[in-house]
């Protein structure tokens, strides 16, 4: 059974930093494309950052130069380092694995950025 568990969310002041973690079980992170998405109240879920199976990365324009997606295959974990956070980035952040069979989602972790 594949599971993705996010952690690292919390309350931070605007301009601060957080690092989110997504640890997989029942499967391996390496060889699969992994992504971080977020969903704010009343809004649709949006892609924040993606790490392709070959190591290429993609970022939403709004987070470029501030967020970094990375992997630690030995820990079967994907990270999202978020710097210079903005109030409008308050959302539930989700991890997604794009396996060959189907996509898998984590349960999400809340990030709240205060002014």
N, C-alpha and C. Protein backbone atom coordinates (compact mmCIF):
# COMPACT_ATOMS: atom_id res chain seq x y z
N UNK A 1 0.85 -1.19 0.00
CA UNK A 1 0.00 0.00 0.00
C UNK A 1 0.89 1.24 0.00
N UNK A 2 0.66 2.09 -0.99
CA UNK A 2 1.46 3.30 -1.12
C UNK A 2 0.90 4.38 -0.20
N UNK A 3 1.79 5.00 0.54
CA UNK A 3 1.39 6.14 1.37
C UNK A 3 2.41 7.24 1.25
N UNK A 4 1.92 8.46 1.22
CA UNK A 4 2.75 9.65 1.24
C UNK A 4 2.36 10.45 2.47
N UNK A 5 3.34 10.78 3.28
CA UNK A 5 3.06 11.52 4.51
C UNK A 5 3.85 12.82 4.51
N UNK A 6 3.12 13.93 4.53
CA UNK A 6 3.76 15.24 4.57
C UNK A 6 3.94 15.69 6.01
N UNK A 7 4.95 16.49 6.22
CA UNK A 7 5.19 17.10 7.52
C UNK A 7 5.95 18.39 7.32
N UNK A 8 6.05 19.16 8.39
CA UNK A 8 6.83 20.39 8.33
C UNK A 8 6.02 21.66 8.22
N UNK A 9 4.72 21.53 8.06
CA UNK A 9 3.89 22.72 8.00
C UNK A 9 3.79 23.39 9.35
N UNK A 10 3.19 24.56 9.36
CA UNK A 10 3.03 25.27 10.61
C UNK A 10 2.75 26.73 10.38
N UNK A 11 2.93 27.50 11.44
CA UNK A 11 2.70 28.94 11.40
C UNK A 11 4.03 29.66 11.31
N UNK A 12 4.12 30.58 10.36
CA UNK A 12 5.36 31.33 10.18
C UNK A 12 4.99 32.76 9.81
N UNK A 13 5.84 33.69 10.17
CA UNK A 13 5.61 35.09 9.80
C UNK A 13 6.01 35.33 8.34
N UNK A 14 5.39 36.30 7.76
CA UNK A 14 5.75 36.67 6.39
C UNK A 14 7.25 36.96 6.32
N UNK A 15 7.87 36.45 5.27
CA UNK A 15 9.31 36.58 5.12
C UNK A 15 10.09 35.42 5.70
N UNK A 16 9.41 34.58 6.43
CA UNK A 16 10.07 33.44 7.06
C UNK A 16 10.21 32.25 6.13
N UNK A 17 10.71 31.16 6.70
CA UNK A 17 10.98 29.95 5.91
C UNK A 17 10.40 28.72 6.59
N UNK A 18 10.08 27.75 5.76
CA UNK A 18 9.67 26.43 6.24
C UNK A 18 10.22 25.40 5.28
N UNK A 19 10.46 24.20 5.78
CA UNK A 19 10.81 23.09 4.92
C UNK A 19 9.80 21.97 5.11
N UNK A 20 9.13 21.64 4.04
CA UNK A 20 8.16 20.55 4.05
C UNK A 20 8.84 19.26 3.63
N UNK A 21 8.38 18.16 4.22
CA UNK A 21 8.90 16.84 3.86
C UNK A 21 7.74 15.95 3.41
N UNK A 22 8.03 15.08 2.49
CA UNK A 22 7.06 14.09 2.02
C UNK A 22 7.78 12.75 1.98
N UNK A 23 7.40 11.85 2.89
CA UNK A 23 8.05 10.56 2.96
C UNK A 23 7.12 9.48 2.43
N UNK A 24 7.65 8.67 1.53
CA UNK A 24 6.85 7.63 0.90
C UNK A 24 7.08 6.28 1.55
N UNK A 25 6.03 5.48 1.59
CA UNK A 25 6.14 4.08 2.02
C UNK A 25 5.37 3.23 1.04
N UNK A 26 5.79 1.98 0.88
CA UNK A 26 5.13 1.10 -0.07
C UNK A 26 5.58 1.29 -1.50
N UNK A 27 6.48 2.22 -1.70
CA UNK A 27 7.01 2.49 -3.03
C UNK A 27 8.30 3.28 -2.85
N UNK A 28 8.98 3.57 -3.96
CA UNK A 28 10.19 4.36 -3.85
C UNK A 28 10.03 5.67 -4.60
N UNK A 29 10.67 6.69 -4.06
CA UNK A 29 10.58 8.01 -4.65
C UNK A 29 11.39 8.09 -5.94
N UNK A 30 12.56 7.48 -5.93
CA UNK A 30 13.42 7.56 -7.11
C UNK A 30 12.74 6.87 -8.29
N UNK A 31 12.86 7.46 -9.44
CA UNK A 31 12.24 6.90 -10.63
C UNK A 31 10.83 7.38 -10.87
N UNK A 32 10.27 8.11 -9.92
CA UNK A 32 8.92 8.67 -10.07
C UNK A 32 8.99 10.19 -10.05
N UNK A 33 8.16 10.81 -10.85
CA UNK A 33 8.03 12.26 -10.76
C UNK A 33 7.28 12.59 -9.48
N UNK A 34 7.75 13.63 -8.79
CA UNK A 34 7.15 14.04 -7.52
C UNK A 34 6.81 15.52 -7.61
N UNK A 35 5.72 15.89 -6.99
CA UNK A 35 5.33 17.28 -7.03
C UNK A 35 4.77 17.77 -5.72
N UNK A 36 4.84 19.08 -5.54
CA UNK A 36 4.18 19.75 -4.42
C UNK A 36 3.10 20.66 -4.98
N UNK A 37 1.93 20.57 -4.39
CA UNK A 37 0.79 21.39 -4.78
C UNK A 37 0.27 22.09 -3.53
N UNK A 38 -0.54 23.11 -3.75
CA UNK A 38 -1.17 23.77 -2.62
C UNK A 38 -2.59 24.17 -2.98
N UNK A 39 -3.40 24.25 -1.95
CA UNK A 39 -4.80 24.64 -2.13
C UNK A 39 -5.19 25.58 -1.01
N UNK A 40 -5.48 26.81 -1.39
CA UNK A 40 -5.96 27.81 -0.43
C UNK A 40 -7.48 27.72 -0.34
N UNK A 41 -8.04 28.19 0.75
CA UNK A 41 -9.51 28.14 0.91
C UNK A 41 -10.22 28.82 -0.26
N UNK A 42 -11.18 28.12 -0.85
CA UNK A 42 -11.96 28.69 -1.93
C UNK A 42 -11.25 28.71 -3.27
N UNK A 43 -10.06 28.13 -3.33
CA UNK A 43 -9.31 28.14 -4.59
C UNK A 43 -9.03 26.71 -5.04
N UNK A 44 -8.69 26.59 -6.31
CA UNK A 44 -8.35 25.27 -6.83
C UNK A 44 -6.91 24.90 -6.46
N UNK A 45 -6.65 23.61 -6.46
CA UNK A 45 -5.30 23.15 -6.15
C UNK A 45 -4.37 23.52 -7.31
N UNK A 46 -3.18 24.00 -6.94
CA UNK A 46 -2.25 24.44 -7.97
C UNK A 46 -0.88 23.84 -7.75
N UNK A 47 -0.17 23.64 -8.86
CA UNK A 47 1.18 23.12 -8.81
C UNK A 47 2.13 24.19 -8.27
N UNK A 48 2.96 23.79 -7.34
CA UNK A 48 3.98 24.68 -6.80
C UNK A 48 5.35 24.34 -7.38
N UNK A 49 5.70 23.07 -7.31
CA UNK A 49 7.00 22.63 -7.80
C UNK A 49 6.92 21.15 -8.16
N UNK A 50 7.74 20.78 -9.14
CA UNK A 50 7.73 19.39 -9.59
C UNK A 50 9.15 18.95 -9.88
N UNK A 51 9.44 17.72 -9.49
CA UNK A 51 10.74 17.11 -9.77
C UNK A 51 10.48 15.89 -10.64
N UNK A 52 10.94 15.95 -11.89
CA UNK A 52 10.72 14.85 -12.81
C UNK A 52 11.54 13.62 -12.45
N UNK A 53 11.17 12.51 -13.05
CA UNK A 53 11.86 11.26 -12.76
C UNK A 53 13.33 11.32 -13.18
N UNK A 54 13.63 12.19 -14.14
CA UNK A 54 15.01 12.33 -14.59
C UNK A 54 15.78 13.41 -13.85
N UNK A 55 15.15 14.05 -12.89
CA UNK A 55 15.84 15.04 -12.08
C UNK A 55 15.56 16.48 -12.47
N UNK A 56 14.86 16.68 -13.58
CA UNK A 56 14.54 18.06 -13.96
C UNK A 56 13.51 18.63 -13.02
N UNK A 57 13.54 19.94 -12.85
CA UNK A 57 12.60 20.59 -11.94
C UNK A 57 11.81 21.68 -12.66
N UNK A 58 10.63 21.93 -12.11
CA UNK A 58 9.75 22.97 -12.66
C UNK A 58 9.10 23.69 -11.48
N UNK A 59 8.99 25.00 -11.59
CA UNK A 59 8.38 25.79 -10.53
C UNK A 59 7.30 26.70 -11.08
N UNK A 60 6.29 26.93 -10.27
CA UNK A 60 5.33 27.96 -10.62
C UNK A 60 6.06 29.30 -10.62
N UNK A 61 5.67 30.18 -11.52
CA UNK A 61 6.35 31.47 -11.63
C UNK A 61 6.37 32.23 -10.31
N UNK A 62 5.32 32.08 -9.54
CA UNK A 62 5.20 32.86 -8.31
C UNK A 62 6.18 32.43 -7.22
N UNK A 63 6.78 31.23 -7.36
CA UNK A 63 7.68 30.75 -6.31
C UNK A 63 9.13 30.63 -6.78
N UNK A 64 9.37 30.87 -8.04
CA UNK A 64 10.74 30.75 -8.56
C UNK A 64 11.69 31.62 -7.76
N UNK A 65 12.85 31.08 -7.49
CA UNK A 65 13.94 31.74 -6.75
C UNK A 65 13.68 31.79 -5.25
N UNK A 66 12.50 31.34 -4.82
CA UNK A 66 12.22 31.32 -3.38
C UNK A 66 12.02 29.89 -2.86
N UNK A 67 11.48 29.01 -3.68
CA UNK A 67 11.21 27.64 -3.27
C UNK A 67 12.16 26.69 -3.99
N UNK A 68 12.51 25.61 -3.31
CA UNK A 68 13.37 24.60 -3.93
C UNK A 68 12.83 23.21 -3.60
N UNK A 69 12.65 22.40 -4.63
CA UNK A 69 12.24 21.01 -4.45
C UNK A 69 13.49 20.14 -4.55
N UNK A 70 13.59 19.16 -3.67
CA UNK A 70 14.75 18.28 -3.69
C UNK A 70 14.34 16.89 -3.20
N UNK A 71 15.23 15.93 -3.42
CA UNK A 71 14.96 14.55 -3.02
C UNK A 71 16.12 14.00 -2.21
N UNK A 72 15.80 13.09 -1.31
CA UNK A 72 16.79 12.27 -0.64
C UNK A 72 16.34 10.83 -0.85
N UNK A 73 16.88 10.19 -1.87
CA UNK A 73 16.41 8.85 -2.20
C UNK A 73 16.70 7.85 -1.09
N UNK A 74 17.79 8.05 -0.38
CA UNK A 74 18.11 7.14 0.72
C UNK A 74 17.04 7.18 1.80
N UNK A 75 16.41 8.33 1.97
CA UNK A 75 15.35 8.48 2.97
C UNK A 75 13.96 8.36 2.34
N UNK A 76 13.93 8.14 1.04
CA UNK A 76 12.66 8.02 0.33
C UNK A 76 11.77 9.24 0.58
N UNK A 77 12.39 10.40 0.53
CA UNK A 77 11.72 11.64 0.94
C UNK A 77 11.97 12.74 -0.09
N UNK A 78 10.94 13.55 -0.29
CA UNK A 78 11.03 14.74 -1.13
C UNK A 78 10.79 15.95 -0.24
N UNK A 79 11.53 17.01 -0.48
CA UNK A 79 11.44 18.21 0.34
C UNK A 79 10.97 19.40 -0.50
N UNK A 80 10.41 20.37 0.20
CA UNK A 80 10.13 21.66 -0.41
C UNK A 80 10.63 22.72 0.57
N UNK A 81 11.73 23.36 0.21
CA UNK A 81 12.25 24.46 1.00
C UNK A 81 11.57 25.73 0.54
N UNK A 82 10.93 26.42 1.45
CA UNK A 82 10.18 27.62 1.12
C UNK A 82 10.77 28.81 1.88
N UNK A 83 11.26 29.78 1.15
CA UNK A 83 11.84 30.97 1.74
C UNK A 83 11.02 32.21 1.37
N UNK A 84 11.17 33.25 2.14
CA UNK A 84 10.48 34.52 1.88
C UNK A 84 8.99 34.30 1.68
N UNK A 85 8.39 33.58 2.59
CA UNK A 85 6.98 33.25 2.45
C UNK A 85 6.08 34.48 2.54
N UNK A 86 4.99 34.42 1.80
CA UNK A 86 4.04 35.52 1.73
C UNK A 86 2.71 35.10 2.36
N UNK A 87 1.98 36.08 2.83
CA UNK A 87 0.70 35.80 3.48
C UNK A 87 -0.23 35.03 2.54
N UNK A 88 -0.21 35.41 1.28
CA UNK A 88 -1.11 34.78 0.30
C UNK A 88 -0.72 33.34 -0.02
N UNK A 89 0.37 32.87 0.54
CA UNK A 89 0.78 31.48 0.32
C UNK A 89 0.26 30.55 1.42
N UNK A 90 -0.57 31.09 2.27
CA UNK A 90 -1.26 30.27 3.25
C UNK A 90 -2.15 29.27 2.52
N UNK A 91 -1.96 27.99 2.82
CA UNK A 91 -2.68 26.95 2.10
C UNK A 91 -2.36 25.59 2.72
N UNK A 92 -3.09 24.59 2.28
CA UNK A 92 -2.70 23.21 2.57
C UNK A 92 -1.79 22.77 1.44
N UNK A 93 -0.64 22.25 1.80
CA UNK A 93 0.34 21.81 0.82
C UNK A 93 0.30 20.29 0.73
N UNK A 94 0.22 19.81 -0.51
CA UNK A 94 0.10 18.37 -0.77
C UNK A 94 1.28 17.87 -1.59
N UNK A 95 1.65 16.65 -1.30
CA UNK A 95 2.68 15.96 -2.06
C UNK A 95 1.99 15.00 -3.02
N UNK A 96 2.52 14.88 -4.22
CA UNK A 96 1.95 13.98 -5.22
C UNK A 96 3.05 13.16 -5.86
N UNK A 97 2.77 11.87 -6.04
CA UNK A 97 3.67 10.99 -6.78
C UNK A 97 2.99 10.57 -8.07
N UNK A 98 3.68 10.76 -9.17
CA UNK A 98 3.14 10.40 -10.48
C UNK A 98 3.74 9.06 -10.88
N UNK A 99 3.15 7.97 -10.34
CA UNK A 99 3.67 6.66 -10.68
C UNK A 99 3.12 6.23 -12.05
N UNK A 100 3.67 5.16 -12.59
CA UNK A 100 3.20 4.66 -13.88
C UNK A 100 1.78 4.12 -13.78
N UNK A 101 1.39 3.68 -12.60
CA UNK A 101 0.07 3.07 -12.41
C UNK A 101 -1.00 4.13 -12.21
N UNK A 102 -0.73 5.06 -11.31
CA UNK A 102 -1.72 6.10 -10.97
C UNK A 102 -1.04 7.14 -10.11
N UNK A 103 -1.64 8.30 -9.98
CA UNK A 103 -1.07 9.28 -9.06
C UNK A 103 -1.45 8.97 -7.62
N UNK A 104 -0.57 9.32 -6.71
CA UNK A 104 -0.84 9.18 -5.29
C UNK A 104 -0.68 10.55 -4.63
N UNK A 105 -1.54 10.81 -3.64
CA UNK A 105 -1.52 12.08 -2.92
C UNK A 105 -1.32 11.83 -1.43
N UNK A 106 -0.64 12.74 -0.80
CA UNK A 106 -0.58 12.74 0.65
C UNK A 106 -1.80 13.43 1.22
N UNK A 107 -1.86 13.48 2.54
CA UNK A 107 -3.03 14.04 3.21
C UNK A 107 -2.94 15.55 3.34
N UNK A 108 -1.78 16.09 3.10
CA UNK A 108 -1.61 17.54 3.16
C UNK A 108 -1.08 18.02 4.50
N UNK A 109 -0.41 19.16 4.46
CA UNK A 109 0.07 19.80 5.67
C UNK A 109 -0.24 21.30 5.57
N UNK A 110 -0.74 21.84 6.65
CA UNK A 110 -1.18 23.24 6.64
C UNK A 110 0.02 24.18 6.82
N UNK A 111 0.09 25.17 5.96
CA UNK A 111 1.07 26.25 6.09
C UNK A 111 0.29 27.55 6.25
N UNK A 112 0.55 28.23 7.34
CA UNK A 112 -0.11 29.50 7.60
C UNK A 112 0.95 30.58 7.74
N UNK A 113 0.84 31.60 6.91
CA UNK A 113 1.79 32.70 6.92
C UNK A 113 1.07 33.94 7.46
N UNK A 114 1.57 34.45 8.56
CA UNK A 114 0.94 35.60 9.20
C UNK A 114 1.66 36.89 8.84
N UNK A 115 0.91 37.97 8.90
CA UNK A 115 1.49 39.28 8.53
C UNK A 115 2.15 39.94 9.74
